Amino acid sequence: MIIYDYVIPFIITVAAESAVALAFNIWLKLRLKYLIIGIFAINLMTNPTLNYILDLTVFIGIGIIIPLIVLEIVVVLIEWWALKYMFGNRQALLLLSLSANALSFLAGLIVFSFILRLP
């Protein structure tokens, strides 16, 4: 289950967020190499943690909807903070983080609901 619970979501997340970063970088003009490395590193910490906590909440019977919403908001804020630390205080980085996480969530939902048939 490690591949299904952690590796596939991580790959989906990094791919989706990198695509958003590429699009945003046309406007932001950041050092793309560092932006992609930053997204990879940030998600290396946040994605497995989020998925582990979600697995735990389902296991102990809390459910998934409320924890998922709260955790996604926390991840957006962590990613925004890390990007601000790397590239300076640009408000557009919040929009980047929000857009990247929204696309990654949607991509994961599509892959696991329709392609891999999440129960």
Protein backbone atom coordinates (compact mmCIF):
# COMPACT_ATOMS: atom_id res chain seq x y z
CA MET A 1 0.00 0.00 0.00
CA ILE A 2 2.96 2.36 0.28
CA ILE A 3 2.98 2.90 -3.48
CA TYR A 4 -0.79 3.43 -3.61
CA ASP A 5 -0.97 5.63 -0.49
CA TYR A 6 2.24 7.62 -0.78
CA VAL A 7 4.24 7.28 -4.00
CA ILE A 8 1.44 7.78 -6.53
CA PRO A 9 -0.05 10.78 -4.69
CA PHE A 10 3.41 12.33 -4.41
CA ILE A 11 4.10 11.92 -8.14
CA ILE A 12 0.68 13.34 -9.04
CA THR A 13 1.19 16.28 -6.69
CA VAL A 14 4.67 17.19 -7.90
CA ALA A 15 3.65 16.88 -11.56
CA ALA A 16 0.52 19.01 -11.13
CA GLU A 17 2.20 21.64 -8.98
CA SER A 18 5.19 21.85 -11.32
CA ALA A 19 2.83 22.47 -14.24
CA VAL A 20 1.17 25.31 -12.32
CA ALA A 21 4.59 26.68 -11.36
CA LEU A 22 5.66 26.68 -15.01
CA ALA A 23 2.54 28.64 -15.95
CA PHE A 24 2.93 31.10 -13.08
CA ASN A 25 6.59 31.58 -13.80
CA ILE A 26 5.74 33.32 -17.08
CA TRP A 27 4.33 36.07 -14.86
CA LEU A 28 6.52 35.79 -11.74
CA LYS A 29 9.88 35.41 -13.51
CA LEU A 30 11.44 33.39 -10.68
CA ARG A 31 14.42 31.10 -11.07
CA LEU A 32 12.55 28.11 -12.45
CA LYS A 33 15.11 25.54 -11.33
CA TYR A 34 14.80 26.68 -7.72
CA LEU A 35 11.03 26.93 -7.95
CA ILE A 36 10.70 23.30 -9.10
CA ILE A 37 13.25 22.09 -6.53
CA GLY A 38 11.37 24.04 -3.86
CA ILE A 39 8.04 22.52 -4.85
CA PHE A 40 9.59 19.05 -4.82
CA ALA A 41 11.18 19.58 -1.38
CA ILE A 42 8.09 21.14 0.17
CA ASN A 43 5.89 18.33 -1.09
CA LEU A 44 8.39 15.73 0.04
CA MET A 45 7.56 16.88 3.57
CA THR A 46 3.89 17.82 3.33
CA ASN A 47 2.42 15.21 0.98
CA PRO A 48 3.34 12.03 2.89
CA THR A 49 2.44 13.74 6.17
CA LEU A 50 -0.98 14.76 4.86
CA ASN A 51 -1.67 11.29 3.49
CA TYR A 52 -0.52 9.59 6.70
CA ILE A 53 -2.77 11.81 8.84
CA LEU A 54 -5.70 11.15 6.49
CA ASP A 55 -5.08 7.39 6.72
CA LEU A 56 -4.99 7.73 10.50
CA THR A 57 -8.24 9.74 10.68
CA VAL A 58 -10.03 7.14 8.57
CA PHE A 59 -8.56 4.30 10.66
CA ILE A 60 -9.72 5.80 13.97
CA GLY A 61 -13.13 6.65 12.54
CA ILE A 62 -13.00 10.45 12.39
CA GLY A 63 -13.78 10.48 8.69
CA ILE A 64 -12.01 12.21 5.86
CA ILE A 65 -13.86 15.35 4.71
CA ILE A 66 -13.20 17.80 7.55
CA PRO A 67 -9.59 16.64 8.15
CA LEU A 68 -8.93 16.83 4.40
CA ILE A 69 -10.17 20.42 4.17
CA VAL A 70 -8.19 21.50 7.23
CA LEU A 71 -5.02 19.72 6.10
CA GLU A 72 -5.22 21.13 2.56
CA ILE A 73 -5.51 24.65 4.00
CA VAL A 74 -2.51 23.99 6.25
CA VAL A 75 -0.50 22.65 3.30
CA VAL A 76 -1.33 25.72 1.18
CA LEU A 77 -0.14 27.98 4.00
CA ILE A 78 3.05 25.96 4.60
CA GLU A 79 3.87 25.97 0.90
CA TRP A 80 3.19 29.71 0.67
CA TRP A 81 5.42 30.39 3.67
CA ALA A 82 8.23 28.25 2.24
CA LEU A 83 7.99 29.91 -1.18
CA LYS A 84 7.98 33.36 0.47
CA TYR A 85 11.10 32.33 2.37
CA MET A 86 12.77 31.23 -0.87
CA PHE A 87 11.68 34.05 -3.17
CA GLY A 88 10.70 36.98 -1.00
CA ASN A 89 7.38 38.34 0.14
CA ARG A 90 5.29 38.19 -3.02
CA GLN A 91 1.55 37.97 -2.56
CA ALA A 92 1.33 36.17 -5.90
CA LEU A 93 3.01 33.19 -4.26
CA LEU A 94 -0.17 32.61 -2.23
CA LEU A 95 -2.12 32.39 -5.48
CA LEU A 96 0.54 30.03 -6.85
CA SER A 97 0.31 27.81 -3.77
CA LEU A 98 -3.49 27.84 -3.79
CA SER A 99 -3.70 27.11 -7.54
CA ALA A 100 -1.03 24.41 -7.43
CA ASN A 101 -2.69 22.62 -4.54
CA ALA A 102 -6.14 22.91 -6.09
CA LEU A 103 -4.90 21.35 -9.34
CA SER A 104 -3.00 18.64 -7.49
CA PHE A 105 -6.09 17.82 -5.40
CA LEU A 106 -8.27 17.67 -8.52
CA ALA A 107 -5.72 15.53 -10.37
CA GLY A 108 -5.50 13.13 -7.43
CA LEU A 109 -9.27 12.96 -7.19
CA ILE A 110 -9.55 12.12 -10.89
CA VAL A 111 -6.77 9.53 -10.82
CA PHE A 112 -7.94 7.76 -7.68
CA SER A 113 -11.69 8.01 -8.36
CA PHE A 114 -11.86 7.22 -12.06
CA ILE A 115 -8.59 5.63 -13.14
CA LEU A 116 -7.41 3.58 -10.15
CA ARG A 117 -10.96 3.19 -8.80
CA LEU A 118 -10.57 4.27 -5.19
CA PRO A 119 -13.24 2.45 -3.17
